[in-house]
Amino acid sequence: MPLRRRRSHYQQLTEFERGRVVGLREGGFSFRDIAERLDRNVPTVHDCWQQWSREGIASKRQGDGRPSGITAMEDRHVRRMVVAHRTACAAEIRAEVDTTVTQRTDTYRFIQGQLRTRRPVACIPLTPNHCRLQRERCQSRTHWRTECRSVVFSHESRFSLGASDGRALVIRSSGERLQPTCLQPRHTGPTPGVMVWGDISYDSRSTLVVIPCTLITNLYVSLVIQSVVLPFMDSIEGFVFQQDNARRHTAVVSQHDLQSVDMLSWTAISSDISPIEHVRDIIGRQLQRHPQPALTAPVLRTTCNRHETPSHKLTSGTCKTQFMHVSMLAFKTLEVTPVVNVPAFHI
């Protein structure tokens, strides 16, 4: 018998189950049949019927055990302290409240209040000035309609070999965690991959640039700005170029080459609201579900280029509508969203 079922097999009967025991016994069922129906042991069912026969009641007796070492007011105070100090442990809460109960009792009180220790969500450290600038930037672009069509969004993405985003699940029962059929091989160390750079606008896109090595400032200037950005921005008039505040983007050399290009202001430590993020996430999921996944970096580079070129050119009405919708939602965000959500496959 599994441990969980064995534990429930010997638990005390609920009030509803006690009523069922009395009803089934009066209906002529044996103690063994009743125990099988309720998934309980025979002595528990027998004791419940004996209590009904002697006392005429089937409810659970109130035990005369040790009285609680904490009052109801102190219990509420403990729970309020937990909500106010999320990172405090049970010993610190107990010392702050100055109660005489044990640390185990405090932990049990937390569990009763549906308060359990969980891993916190990573976030960006923001100051009030960052929040103010982010809010002002979003409020100034809340009513943008046609202005979004004149913005060129750029972004670089890295696709790794053998990485996983945690979407693949297995169906297993308790105790089968280490079964060979429930394991998913995955390389946990640094893996080779390919980094690509590209930009999109409402009805056009540039060529996909494959970064051969680490994207430093000099390589970004020679391989991206001078080769792609400047010719692409010269071919279209009245457009604004967008890039985030990465170190290679804000370097003096990069800013010097982009003097002739109108730039979209981007506040420090702000959330990345570029619509191209969604396109790269779609490509990453498609590459992960590919029937023949890439095993080498050159094959992965070819596959990325193949998925980028035909599927995501913003020429159809549906793609244009989605582009405008994502852009408007991004600029209508009046609250700062500091949560870092970076999938493992798409870095």
C-alpha atoms as a PDB file:
ATOM      1  CA  MET A   1       0.000   0.000   0.000  1.00  0.00           C
ATOM      2  CA  PRO A   2       1.462   3.452  -0.881  1.00  0.00           C
ATOM      3  CA  LEU A   3       2.512   5.623   2.039  1.00  0.00           C
ATOM      4  CA  ARG A   4      -0.046   8.336   1.273  1.00  0.00           C
ATOM      5  CA  ARG A   5      -2.891   5.836   1.083  1.00  0.00           C
ATOM      6  CA  ARG A   6      -1.646   4.111   4.235  1.00  0.00           C
ATOM      7  CA  ARG A   7      -1.655   7.435   6.069  1.00  0.00           C
ATOM      8  CA  SER A   8      -5.231   8.224   5.011  1.00  0.00           C
ATOM      9  CA  HIS A   9      -6.213   4.645   5.846  1.00  0.00           C
ATOM     10  CA  TYR A  10      -5.612   5.300   9.553  1.00  0.00           C
ATOM     11  CA  GLN A  11      -6.771   8.899   9.777  1.00  0.00           C
ATOM     12  CA  GLN A  12      -9.726   9.758  11.969  1.00  0.00           C
ATOM     13  CA  LEU A  13     -13.162   9.710  10.415  1.00  0.00           C
ATOM     14  CA  THR A  14     -14.825  12.939   9.441  1.00  0.00           C
ATOM     15  CA  GLU A  15     -18.331  13.812  10.598  1.00  0.00           C
ATOM     16  CA  PHE A  16     -19.753  12.838   7.219  1.00  0.00           C
ATOM     17  CA  GLU A  17     -17.943   9.496   7.237  1.00  0.00           C
ATOM     18  CA  ARG A  18     -19.212   8.762  10.744  1.00  0.00           C
ATOM     19  CA  GLY A  19     -22.753   9.301   9.511  1.00  0.00           C
ATOM     20  CA  ARG A  20     -22.103   6.969   6.596  1.00  0.00           C
ATOM     21  CA  VAL A  21     -20.814   4.274   8.957  1.00  0.00           C
ATOM     22  CA  VAL A  22     -24.005   4.435  11.009  1.00  0.00           C
ATOM     23  CA  GLY A  23     -26.235   4.425   7.939  1.00  0.00           C
ATOM     24  CA  LEU A  24     -24.446   1.553   6.210  1.00  0.00           C
ATOM     25  CA  ARG A  25     -24.349  -0.498   9.404  1.00  0.00           C
ATOM     26  CA  GLU A  26     -28.073  -0.042   9.944  1.00  0.00           C
ATOM     27  CA  GLY A  27     -28.554  -1.065   6.325  1.00  0.00           C
ATOM     28  CA  GLY A  28     -27.045  -4.474   7.048  1.00  0.00           C
ATOM     29  CA  PHE A  29     -23.487  -4.034   5.775  1.00  0.00           C
ATOM     30  CA  SER A  30     -20.653  -5.724   7.629  1.00  0.00           C
ATOM     31  CA  PHE A  31     -17.755  -3.834   9.188  1.00  0.00           C
ATOM     32  CA  ARG A  32     -15.409  -5.146   6.491  1.00  0.00           C
ATOM     33  CA  ASP A  33     -17.677  -3.955   3.657  1.00  0.00           C
ATOM     34  CA  ILE A  34     -18.024  -0.528   5.267  1.00  0.00           C
ATOM     35  CA  ALA A  35     -14.245  -0.261   5.724  1.00  0.00           C
ATOM     36  CA  GLU A  36     -13.668  -1.113   2.055  1.00  0.00           C
ATOM     37  CA  ARG A  37     -16.212   1.490   0.935  1.00  0.00           C
ATOM     38  CA  LEU A  38     -14.647   4.230   3.076  1.00  0.00           C
ATOM     39  CA  ASP A  39     -11.045   3.055   2.531  1.00  0.00           C
ATOM     40  CA  ARG A  40     -10.498   2.781   6.295  1.00  0.00           C
ATOM     41  CA  ASN A  41      -9.462  -0.036   8.583  1.00  0.00           C
ATOM     42  CA  VAL A  42     -12.014  -2.271  10.300  1.00  0.00           C
ATOM     43  CA  PRO A  43     -11.235  -1.295  13.950  1.00  0.00           C
ATOM     44  CA  THR A  44     -11.909   2.384  13.176  1.00  0.00           C
ATOM     45  CA  VAL A  45     -15.314   1.546  11.720  1.00  0.00           C
ATOM     46  CA  HIS A  46     -16.055  -0.777  14.650  1.00  0.00           C
ATOM     47  CA  ASP A  47     -15.181   1.874  17.258  1.00  0.00           C
ATOM     48  CA  CYS A  48     -17.439   4.405  15.528  1.00  0.00           C
ATOM     49  CA  TRP A  49     -20.382   1.970  15.639  1.00  0.00           C
ATOM     50  CA  GLN A  50     -19.707   1.098  19.273  1.00  0.00           C
ATOM     51  CA  GLN A  51     -19.780   4.779  20.203  1.00  0.00           C
ATOM     52  CA  TRP A  52     -23.116   5.149  18.428  1.00  0.00           C
ATOM     53  CA  SER A  53     -24.493   2.084  20.202  1.00  0.00           C
ATOM     54  CA  ARG A  54     -23.390   3.238  23.681  1.00  0.00           C
ATOM     55  CA  GLU A  55     -23.868   7.009  23.575  1.00  0.00           C
ATOM     56  CA  GLY A  56     -26.233   7.565  20.672  1.00  0.00           C
ATOM     57  CA  ILE A  57     -23.842  10.016  19.008  1.00  0.00           C
ATOM     58  CA  ALA A  58     -21.301   9.488  16.256  1.00  0.00           C
ATOM     59  CA  SER A  59     -19.449  12.806  16.462  1.00  0.00           C
ATOM     60  CA  LYS A  60     -15.821  13.011  17.460  1.00  0.00           C
ATOM     61  CA  ARG A  61     -15.141  13.538  21.162  1.00  0.00           C
ATOM     62  CA  GLN A  62     -13.368  16.704  22.175  1.00  0.00           C
ATOM     63  CA  GLY A  63     -10.016  15.583  23.525  1.00  0.00           C
ATOM     64  CA  ASP A  64      -8.642  16.627  26.900  1.00  0.00           C
ATOM     65  CA  GLY A  65      -5.136  17.110  25.564  1.00  0.00           C
ATOM     66  CA  ARG A  66      -2.602  19.737  26.452  1.00  0.00           C
ATOM     67  CA  PRO A  67      -4.026  23.272  26.275  1.00  0.00           C
ATOM     68  CA  SER A  68      -2.708  25.586  23.596  1.00  0.00           C
ATOM     69  CA  GLY A  69       0.242  27.729  24.631  1.00  0.00           C
ATOM     70  CA  ILE A  70      -0.887  30.669  22.508  1.00  0.00           C
ATOM     71  CA  THR A  71      -4.107  32.641  22.639  1.00  0.00           C
ATOM     72  CA  ALA A  72      -6.269  33.525  19.651  1.00  0.00           C
ATOM     73  CA  MET A  73      -5.063  37.145  19.788  1.00  0.00           C
ATOM     74  CA  GLU A  74      -1.422  36.055  19.783  1.00  0.00           C
ATOM     75  CA  ASP A  75      -2.177  33.691  16.920  1.00  0.00           C
ATOM     76  CA  ARG A  76      -3.573  36.537  14.807  1.00  0.00           C
ATOM     77  CA  HIS A  77      -0.596  38.696  15.773  1.00  0.00           C
ATOM     78  CA  VAL A  78       1.809  35.997  14.598  1.00  0.00           C
ATOM     79  CA  ARG A  79       0.078  35.747  11.223  1.00  0.00           C
ATOM     80  CA  ARG A  80       0.126  39.513  10.782  1.00  0.00           C
ATOM     81  CA  MET A  81       3.836  39.527  11.551  1.00  0.00           C
ATOM     82  CA  VAL A  82       4.422  36.865   8.905  1.00  0.00           C
ATOM     83  CA  VAL A  83       2.579  38.906   6.277  1.00  0.00           C
ATOM     84  CA  ALA A  84       4.467  42.073   7.255  1.00  0.00           C
ATOM     85  CA  HIS A  85       7.908  40.380   7.280  1.00  0.00           C
ATOM     86  CA  ARG A  86       7.941  37.910   4.401  1.00  0.00           C
ATOM     87  CA  THR A  87      11.606  36.955   4.660  1.00  0.00           C
ATOM     88  CA  ALA A  88      11.661  36.348   8.432  1.00  0.00           C
ATOM     89  CA  CYS A  89      11.991  32.780   9.682  1.00  0.00           C
ATOM     90  CA  ALA A  90       9.857  31.169  12.377  1.00  0.00           C
ATOM     91  CA  ALA A  91      12.475  31.779  15.101  1.00  0.00           C
ATOM     92  CA  GLU A  92      12.632  35.512  14.317  1.00  0.00           C
ATOM     93  CA  ILE A  93       8.839  35.820  14.322  1.00  0.00           C
ATOM     94  CA  ARG A  94       8.654  33.995  17.642  1.00  0.00           C
ATOM     95  CA  ALA A  95      11.277  36.289  19.178  1.00  0.00           C
ATOM     96  CA  GLU A  96       9.483  39.389  17.877  1.00  0.00           C
ATOM     97  CA  VAL A  97       6.068  38.343  19.201  1.00  0.00           C
ATOM     98  CA  ASP A  98       7.645  37.148  22.491  1.00  0.00           C
ATOM     99  CA  THR A  99       5.557  33.996  22.861  1.00  0.00           C
ATOM    100  CA  THR A 100       6.427  30.921  24.899  1.00  0.00           C
ATOM    101  CA  VAL A 101       5.465  28.370  22.239  1.00  0.00           C
ATOM    102  CA  THR A 102       7.975  26.340  20.297  1.00  0.00           C
ATOM    103  CA  GLN A 103       9.209  27.068  16.810  1.00  0.00           C
ATOM    104  CA  ARG A 104       7.388  23.996  15.529  1.00  0.00           C
ATOM    105  CA  THR A 105       4.081  25.388  16.812  1.00  0.00           C
ATOM    106  CA  ASP A 106       4.681  28.655  14.973  1.00  0.00           C
ATOM    107  CA  THR A 107       5.441  26.767  11.772  1.00  0.00           C
ATOM    108  CA  TYR A 108       2.226  24.791  12.188  1.00  0.00           C
ATOM    109  CA  ARG A 109       0.310  28.063  12.623  1.00  0.00           C
ATOM    110  CA  PHE A 110       1.781  29.313   9.349  1.00  0.00           C
ATOM    111  CA  ILE A 111       0.635  26.182   7.537  1.00  0.00           C
ATOM    112  CA  GLN A 112      -2.867  26.543   8.981  1.00  0.00           C
ATOM    113  CA  GLY A 113      -3.011  30.057   7.546  1.00  0.00           C
ATOM    114  CA  GLN A 114      -1.920  28.792   4.082  1.00  0.00           C
ATOM    115  CA  LEU A 115       1.483  30.441   4.573  1.00  0.00           C
ATOM    116  CA  ARG A 116       4.324  28.279   3.311  1.00  0.00           C
ATOM    117  CA  THR A 117       7.949  28.957   2.497  1.00  0.00           C
ATOM    118  CA  ARG A 118       8.351  29.392  -1.256  1.00  0.00           C
ATOM    119  CA  ARG A 119      11.091  30.603  -3.556  1.00  0.00           C
ATOM    120  CA  PRO A 120      10.816  34.367  -4.232  1.00  0.00           C
ATOM    121  CA  VAL A 121      10.502  35.769  -7.735  1.00  0.00           C
ATOM    122  CA  ALA A 122      13.567  37.619  -9.025  1.00  0.00           C
ATOM    123  CA  CYS A 123      13.040  41.307  -9.747  1.00  0.00           C
ATOM    124  CA  ILE A 124      15.026  44.329 -10.833  1.00  0.00           C
ATOM    125  CA  PRO A 125      16.174  46.730  -8.077  1.00  0.00           C
ATOM    126  CA  LEU A 126      14.253  49.935  -8.776  1.00  0.00           C
ATOM    127  CA  THR A 127      14.493  53.325  -7.102  1.00  0.00           C
ATOM    128  CA  PRO A 128      11.613  55.845  -6.901  1.00  0.00           C
ATOM    129  CA  ASN A 129      13.338  57.860  -9.627  1.00  0.00           C
ATOM    130  CA  HIS A 130      13.346  54.832 -11.953  1.00  0.00           C
ATOM    131  CA  CYS A 131       9.631  54.282 -11.321  1.00  0.00           C
ATOM    132  CA  ARG A 132       8.847  57.943 -11.966  1.00  0.00           C
ATOM    133  CA  LEU A 133      10.760  58.050 -15.251  1.00  0.00           C
ATOM    134  CA  GLN A 134       9.209  54.776 -16.394  1.00  0.00           C
ATOM    135  CA  ARG A 135       5.697  56.033 -15.620  1.00  0.00           C
ATOM    136  CA  GLU A 136       6.287  59.356 -17.371  1.00  0.00           C
ATOM    137  CA  ARG A 137       7.648  57.594 -20.447  1.00  0.00           C
ATOM    138  CA  CYS A 138       4.636  55.291 -20.664  1.00  0.00           C
ATOM    139  CA  GLN A 139       2.127  58.077 -20.004  1.00  0.00           C
ATOM    140  CA  SER A 140       3.612  60.213 -22.767  1.00  0.00           C
ATOM    141  CA  ARG A 141       3.024  57.379 -25.268  1.00  0.00           C
ATOM    142  CA  THR A 142      -0.347  56.133 -24.007  1.00  0.00           C
ATOM    143  CA  HIS A 143      -2.327  57.662 -26.884  1.00  0.00           C
ATOM    144  CA  TRP A 144       0.053  56.672 -29.660  1.00  0.00           C
ATOM    145  CA  ARG A 145      -1.773  55.386 -32.741  1.00  0.00           C
ATOM    146  CA  THR A 146       0.105  56.043 -35.961  1.00  0.00           C
ATOM    147  CA  GLU A 147       3.355  56.851 -34.135  1.00  0.00           C
ATOM    148  CA  CYS A 148       4.003  53.149 -33.488  1.00  0.00           C
ATOM    149  CA  ARG A 149       4.269  52.559 -37.231  1.00  0.00           C
ATOM    150  CA  SER A 150       7.350  54.777 -37.421  1.00  0.00           C
ATOM    151  CA  VAL A 151       9.373  52.924 -34.763  1.00  0.00           C
ATOM    152  CA  VAL A 152      12.042  50.369 -35.662  1.00  0.00           C
ATOM    153  CA  PHE A 153      12.472  47.907 -32.780  1.00  0.00           C
ATOM    154  CA  SER A 154      15.782  46.047 -32.498  1.00  0.00           C
ATOM    155  CA  HIS A 155      16.927  43.195 -30.312  1.00  0.00           C
ATOM    156  CA  GLU A 156      19.576  40.482 -30.143  1.00  0.00           C
ATOM    157  CA  SER A 157      18.753  36.961 -29.011  1.00  0.00           C
ATOM    158  CA  ARG A 158      20.728  33.847 -28.232  1.00  0.00           C
ATOM    159  CA  PHE A 159      19.551  30.326 -29.037  1.00  0.00           C
ATOM    160  CA  SER A 160      21.421  27.530 -27.263  1.00  0.00           C
ATOM    161  CA  LEU A 161      21.826  23.867 -28.104  1.00  0.00           C
ATOM    162  CA  GLY A 162      20.200  21.406 -25.756  1.00  0.00           C
ATOM    163  CA  ALA A 163      18.628  24.028 -23.490  1.00  0.00           C
ATOM    164  CA  SER A 164      15.152  23.582 -22.041  1.00  0.00           C
ATOM    165  CA  ASP A 165      12.510  26.088 -20.998  1.00  0.00           C
ATOM    166  CA  GLY A 166      10.763  23.702 -18.592  1.00  0.00           C
ATOM    167  CA  ARG A 167       7.685  23.205 -20.783  1.00  0.00           C
ATOM    168  CA  ALA A 168       8.255  19.464 -21.322  1.00  0.00           C
ATOM    169  CA  LEU A 169       6.391  17.544 -18.597  1.00  0.00           C
ATOM    170  CA  VAL A 170       6.115  13.851 -17.733  1.00  0.00           C
ATOM    171  CA  ILE A 171       3.187  11.956 -16.243  1.00  0.00           C
ATOM    172  CA  ARG A 172       4.271   9.921 -13.235  1.00  0.00           C
ATOM    173  CA  SER A 173       3.022   8.768  -9.870  1.00  0.00           C
ATOM    174  CA  SER A 174       4.586   9.264  -6.456  1.00  0.00           C
ATOM    175  CA  GLY A 175       7.951   7.553  -6.093  1.00  0.00           C
ATOM    176  CA  GLU A 176       8.690   7.368  -9.851  1.00  0.00           C
ATOM    177  CA  ARG A 177      10.812  10.494 -10.012  1.00  0.00           C
ATOM    178  CA  LEU A 178      14.062   8.637 -10.777  1.00  0.00           C
ATOM    179  CA  GLN A 179      12.577   6.111 -13.187  1.00  0.00           C
ATOM    180  CA  PRO A 180      14.482   6.031 -16.529  1.00  0.00           C
ATOM    181  CA  THR A 181      11.279   6.797 -18.445  1.00  0.00           C
ATOM    182  CA  CYS A 182      10.687   9.905 -16.316  1.00  0.00           C
ATOM    183  CA  LEU A 183      14.146  11.415 -16.788  1.00  0.00           C
ATOM    184  CA  GLN A 184      14.957  14.090 -19.352  1.00  0.00           C
ATOM    185  CA  PRO A 185      18.668  14.361 -20.239  1.00  0.00           C
ATOM    186  CA  ARG A 186      19.848  17.951 -20.249  1.00  0.00           C
ATOM    187  CA  HIS A 187      23.265  19.546 -20.290  1.00  0.00           C
ATOM    188  CA  THR A 188      23.481  21.904 -17.306  1.00  0.00           C
ATOM    189  CA  GLY A 189      26.765  23.614 -18.144  1.00  0.00           C
ATOM    190  CA  PRO A 190      27.538  26.222 -20.811  1.00  0.00           C
ATOM    191  CA  THR A 191      26.343  25.035 -24.210  1.00  0.00           C
ATOM    192  CA  PRO A 192      27.253  26.287 -27.685  1.00  0.00           C
ATOM    193  CA  GLY A 193      24.686  28.306 -29.526  1.00  0.00           C
ATOM    194  CA  VAL A 194      24.127  31.158 -31.922  1.00  0.00           C
ATOM    195  CA  MET A 195      23.359  34.831 -31.328  1.00  0.00           C
ATOM    196  CA  VAL A 196      21.335  36.760 -33.891  1.00  0.00           C
ATOM    197  CA  TRP A 197      20.396  40.422 -34.225  1.00  0.00           C
ATOM    198  CA  GLY A 198      17.500  41.906 -36.146  1.00  0.00           C
ATOM    199  CA  ASP A 199      15.025  44.761 -36.203  1.00  0.00           C
ATOM    200  CA  ILE A 200      11.425  45.095 -37.342  1.00  0.00           C
ATOM    201  CA  SER A 201       8.985  47.897 -38.002  1.00  0.00           C
ATOM    202  CA  TYR A 202       5.331  48.016 -38.966  1.00  0.00           C
ATOM    203  CA  ASP A 203       5.798  46.898 -42.588  1.00  0.00           C
ATOM    204  CA  SER A 204       9.493  46.117 -43.023  1.00  0.00           C
ATOM    205  CA  ARG A 205      12.409  44.298 -41.467  1.00  0.00           C
ATOM    206  CA  SER A 206      16.166  44.194 -41.865  1.00  0.00           C
ATOM    207  CA  THR A 207      18.344  41.216 -42.637  1.00  0.00           C
ATOM    208  CA  LEU A 208      19.093  38.821 -39.817  1.00  0.00           C
ATOM    209  CA  VAL A 209      22.644  39.322 -38.548  1.00  0.00           C
ATOM    210  CA  VAL A 210      24.407  36.273 -37.106  1.00  0.00           C
ATOM    211  CA  ILE A 211      26.917  37.177 -34.393  1.00  0.00           C
ATOM    212  CA  PRO A 212      29.932  34.830 -34.697  1.00  0.00           C
ATOM    213  CA  CYS A 213      31.306  35.431 -31.181  1.00  0.00           C
ATOM    214  CA  THR A 214      30.733  37.556 -28.097  1.00  0.00           C
ATOM    215  CA  LEU A 215      28.969  40.772 -29.066  1.00  0.00           C
ATOM    216  CA  ILE A 216      31.334  43.464 -27.803  1.00  0.00           C
ATOM    217  CA  THR A 217      31.031  47.169 -28.592  1.00  0.00           C
ATOM    218  CA  ASN A 218      33.438  47.261 -31.536  1.00  0.00           C
ATOM    219  CA  LEU A 219      31.802  44.230 -33.119  1.00  0.00           C
ATOM    220  CA  TYR A 220      28.359  45.753 -32.594  1.00  0.00           C
ATOM    221  CA  VAL A 221      29.439  48.944 -34.346  1.00  0.00           C
ATOM    222  CA  SER A 222      31.097  47.262 -37.329  1.00  0.00           C
ATOM    223  CA  LEU A 223      28.760  44.303 -37.807  1.00  0.00           C
ATOM    224  CA  VAL A 224      25.395  45.825 -36.870  1.00  0.00           C
ATOM    225  CA  ILE A 225      25.351  49.625 -36.911  1.00  0.00           C
ATOM    226  CA  GLN A 226      27.553  50.361 -39.911  1.00  0.00           C
ATOM    227  CA  SER A 227      26.485  47.331 -41.959  1.00  0.00           C
ATOM    228  CA  VAL A 228      22.747  47.114 -41.239  1.00  0.00           C
ATOM    229  CA  VAL A 229      21.291  49.912 -39.108  1.00  0.00           C
ATOM    230  CA  LEU A 230      22.579  52.947 -40.990  1.00  0.00           C
ATOM    231  CA  PRO A 231      21.714  51.639 -44.502  1.00  0.00           C
ATOM    232  CA  PHE A 232      18.321  50.424 -43.309  1.00  0.00           C
ATOM    233  CA  MET A 233      17.449  53.737 -41.601  1.00  0.00           C
ATOM    234  CA  ASP A 234      18.610  55.691 -44.669  1.00  0.00           C
ATOM    235  CA  SER A 235      16.279  53.660 -46.886  1.00  0.00           C
ATOM    236  CA  ILE A 236      13.219  54.659 -44.836  1.00  0.00           C
ATOM    237  CA  GLU A 237      12.381  58.232 -43.904  1.00  0.00           C
ATOM    238  CA  GLY A 238      10.780  59.553 -40.741  1.00  0.00           C
ATOM    239  CA  PHE A 239      11.475  56.451 -38.635  1.00  0.00           C
ATOM    240  CA  VAL A 240      12.791  56.289 -35.079  1.00  0.00           C
ATOM    241  CA  PHE A 241      15.281  53.637 -34.002  1.00  0.00           C
ATOM    242  CA  GLN A 242      14.850  51.793 -30.689  1.00  0.00           C
ATOM    243  CA  GLN A 243      17.409  49.836 -28.702  1.00  0.00           C
ATOM    244  CA  ASP A 244      17.712  49.008 -25.021  1.00  0.00           C
ATOM    245  CA  ASN A 245      20.318  50.326 -22.606  1.00  0.00           C
ATOM    246  CA  ALA A 246      22.850  47.520 -22.909  1.00  0.00           C
ATOM    247  CA  ARG A 247      26.457  48.572 -22.430  1.00  0.00           C
ATOM    248  CA  ARG A 248      27.356  48.054 -26.078  1.00  0.00           C
ATOM    249  CA  HIS A 249      24.353  50.191 -27.112  1.00  0.00           C
ATOM    250  CA  THR A 250      25.140  53.148 -24.849  1.00  0.00           C
ATOM    251  CA  ALA A 251      28.899  53.195 -25.444  1.00  0.00           C
ATOM    252  CA  VAL A 252      30.442  56.387 -26.813  1.00  0.00           C
ATOM    253  CA  VAL A 253      31.478  54.671 -30.046  1.00  0.00           C
ATOM    254  CA  SER A 254      27.949  53.395 -30.676  1.00  0.00           C
ATOM    255  CA  GLN A 255      26.317  56.732 -29.876  1.00  0.00           C
ATOM    256  CA  HIS A 256      28.782  58.535 -32.147  1.00  0.00           C
ATOM    257  CA  ASP A 257      27.836  56.394 -35.151  1.00  0.00           C
ATOM    258  CA  LEU A 258      24.113  56.825 -34.443  1.00  0.00           C
ATOM    259  CA  GLN A 259      24.185  60.641 -34.376  1.00  0.00           C
ATOM    260  CA  SER A 260      22.386  60.862 -37.719  1.00  0.00           C
ATOM    261  CA  VAL A 261      19.589  58.516 -36.575  1.00  0.00           C
ATOM    262  CA  ASP A 262      16.571  59.596 -34.535  1.00  0.00           C
ATOM    263  CA  MET A 263      16.551  57.534 -31.336  1.00  0.00           C
ATOM    264  CA  LEU A 264      13.631  56.537 -29.127  1.00  0.00           C
ATOM    265  CA  SER A 265      14.325  57.491 -25.521  1.00  0.00           C
ATOM    266  CA  TRP A 266      14.702  54.508 -23.215  1.00  0.00           C
ATOM    267  CA  THR A 267      14.904  55.026 -19.458  1.00  0.00           C
ATOM    268  CA  ALA A 268      17.412  53.162 -17.295  1.00  0.00           C
ATOM    269  CA  ILE A 269      16.403  49.791 -15.753  1.00  0.00           C
ATOM    270  CA  SER A 270      13.115  49.768 -17.644  1.00  0.00           C
ATOM    271  CA  SER A 271      11.121  46.745 -18.742  1.00  0.00           C
ATOM    272  CA  ASP A 272      11.809  45.425 -22.238  1.00  0.00           C
ATOM    273  CA  ILE A 273       8.588  46.064 -24.187  1.00  0.00           C
ATOM    274  CA  SER A 274       9.920  45.462 -27.684  1.00  0.00           C
ATOM    275  CA  PRO A 275       7.456  43.461 -29.856  1.00  0.00           C
ATOM    276  CA  ILE A 276      10.374  41.569 -31.404  1.00  0.00           C
ATOM    277  CA  GLU A 277      10.680  39.678 -28.097  1.00  0.00           C
ATOM    278  CA  HIS A 278       7.460  37.796 -28.898  1.00  0.00           C
ATOM    279  CA  VAL A 279       8.731  36.853 -32.350  1.00  0.00           C
ATOM    280  CA  ARG A 280      11.951  35.419 -30.932  1.00  0.00           C
ATOM    281  CA  ASP A 281      10.040  33.504 -28.250  1.00  0.00           C
ATOM    282  CA  ILE A 282       7.904  31.903 -30.970  1.00  0.00           C
ATOM    283  CA  ILE A 283      11.033  30.947 -32.916  1.00  0.00           C
ATOM    284  CA  GLY A 284      12.621  29.474 -29.790  1.00  0.00           C
ATOM    285  CA  ARG A 285       9.593  27.265 -29.108  1.00  0.00           C
ATOM    286  CA  GLN A 286       9.481  26.161 -32.752  1.00  0.00           C
ATOM    287  CA  LEU A 287      13.145  25.183 -32.652  1.00  0.00           C
ATOM    288  CA  GLN A 288      12.628  23.238 -29.448  1.00  0.00           C
ATOM    289  CA  ARG A 289       9.667  21.289 -30.894  1.00  0.00           C
ATOM    290  CA  HIS A 290      11.448  20.610 -34.182  1.00  0.00           C
ATOM    291  CA  PRO A 291      11.310  16.877 -35.108  1.00  0.00           C
ATOM    292  CA  GLN A 292      15.016  16.976 -36.002  1.00  0.00           C
ATOM    293  CA  PRO A 293      16.649  19.359 -33.499  1.00  0.00           C
ATOM    294  CA  ALA A 294      19.957  20.964 -34.370  1.00  0.00           C
ATOM    295  CA  LEU A 295      23.021  19.251 -32.929  1.00  0.00           C
ATOM    296  CA  THR A 296      25.709  21.722 -34.006  1.00  0.00           C
ATOM    297  CA  ALA A 297      25.980  25.497 -34.025  1.00  0.00           C
ATOM    298  CA  PRO A 298      26.102  25.841 -37.874  1.00  0.00           C
ATOM    299  CA  VAL A 299      22.933  23.775 -38.244  1.00  0.00           C
ATOM    300  CA  LEU A 300      21.246  25.856 -35.529  1.00  0.00           C
ATOM    301  CA  ARG A 301      22.284  29.050 -37.336  1.00  0.00           C
ATOM    302  CA  THR A 302      20.724  27.812 -40.582  1.00  0.00           C
ATOM    303  CA  THR A 303      17.552  26.730 -38.799  1.00  0.00           C
ATOM    304  CA  CYS A 304      17.176  30.107 -37.066  1.00  0.00           C
ATOM    305  CA  ASN A 305      17.526  31.928 -40.378  1.00  0.00           C
ATOM    306  CA  ARG A 306      14.979  29.615 -42.013  1.00  0.00           C
ATOM    307  CA  HIS A 307      12.430  30.168 -39.231  1.00  0.00           C
ATOM    308  CA  GLU A 308      13.015  33.910 -39.160  1.00  0.00           C
ATOM    309  CA  THR A 309      12.721  34.669 -42.860  1.00  0.00           C
ATOM    310  CA  PRO A 310       9.432  33.213 -44.186  1.00  0.00           C
ATOM    311  CA  SER A 311       7.241  33.104 -41.118  1.00  0.00           C
ATOM    312  CA  HIS A 312       7.706  36.480 -39.509  1.00  0.00           C
ATOM    313  CA  LYS A 313       7.891  39.072 -42.252  1.00  0.00           C
ATOM    314  CA  LEU A 314       5.301  41.633 -41.236  1.00  0.00           C
ATOM    315  CA  THR A 315       3.529  41.902 -44.568  1.00  0.00           C
ATOM    316  CA  SER A 316       0.097  40.425 -43.871  1.00  0.00           C
ATOM    317  CA  GLY A 317      -2.723  42.340 -42.216  1.00  0.00           C
ATOM    318  CA  THR A 318      -2.790  39.956 -39.266  1.00  0.00           C
ATOM    319  CA  CYS A 319       0.889  40.487 -38.452  1.00  0.00           C
ATOM    320  CA  LYS A 320       0.494  44.246 -38.729  1.00  0.00           C
ATOM    321  CA  THR A 321      -2.496  44.198 -36.410  1.00  0.00           C
ATOM    322  CA  GLN A 322      -0.621  42.101 -33.868  1.00  0.00           C
ATOM    323  CA  PHE A 323       2.378  44.421 -34.104  1.00  0.00           C
ATOM    324  CA  MET A 324       0.222  47.472 -33.395  1.00  0.00           C
ATOM    325  CA  HIS A 325      -1.601  45.689 -30.581  1.00  0.00           C
ATOM    326  CA  VAL A 326       1.614  44.663 -28.831  1.00  0.00           C
ATOM    327  CA  SER A 327       3.120  48.121 -29.247  1.00  0.00           C
ATOM    328  CA  MET A 328       0.040  49.859 -27.843  1.00  0.00           C
ATOM    329  CA  LEU A 329      -0.124  47.510 -24.875  1.00  0.00           C
ATOM    330  CA  ALA A 330       3.543  48.147 -24.195  1.00  0.00           C
ATOM    331  CA  PHE A 331       3.193  51.912 -24.127  1.00  0.00           C
ATOM    332  CA  LYS A 332      -0.060  51.772 -22.141  1.00  0.00           C
ATOM    333  CA  THR A 333       1.734  50.089 -19.247  1.00  0.00           C
ATOM    334  CA  LEU A 334       1.494  52.742 -16.537  1.00  0.00           C
ATOM    335  CA  GLU A 335       2.965  50.601 -13.785  1.00  0.00           C
ATOM    336  CA  VAL A 336       6.551  49.386 -13.733  1.00  0.00           C
ATOM    337  CA  THR A 337       6.840  45.616 -14.109  1.00  0.00           C
ATOM    338  CA  PRO A 338      10.142  44.630 -12.469  1.00  0.00           C
ATOM    339  CA  VAL A 339       9.781  40.845 -12.763  1.00  0.00           C
ATOM    340  CA  VAL A 340      12.516  39.231 -14.820  1.00  0.00           C
ATOM    341  CA  ASN A 341      10.998  36.554 -17.057  1.00  0.00           C
ATOM    342  CA  VAL A 342      13.774  35.015 -19.134  1.00  0.00           C
ATOM    343  CA  PRO A 343      13.135  31.545 -20.562  1.00  0.00           C
ATOM    344  CA  ALA A 344      16.031  29.112 -20.348  1.00  0.00           C
ATOM    345  CA  PHE A 345      15.993  28.425 -24.083  1.00  0.00           C
ATOM    346  CA  HIS A 346      15.858  32.057 -25.123  1.00  0.00           C
ATOM    347  CA  ILE A 347      18.469  34.135 -23.354  1.00  0.00           C
END
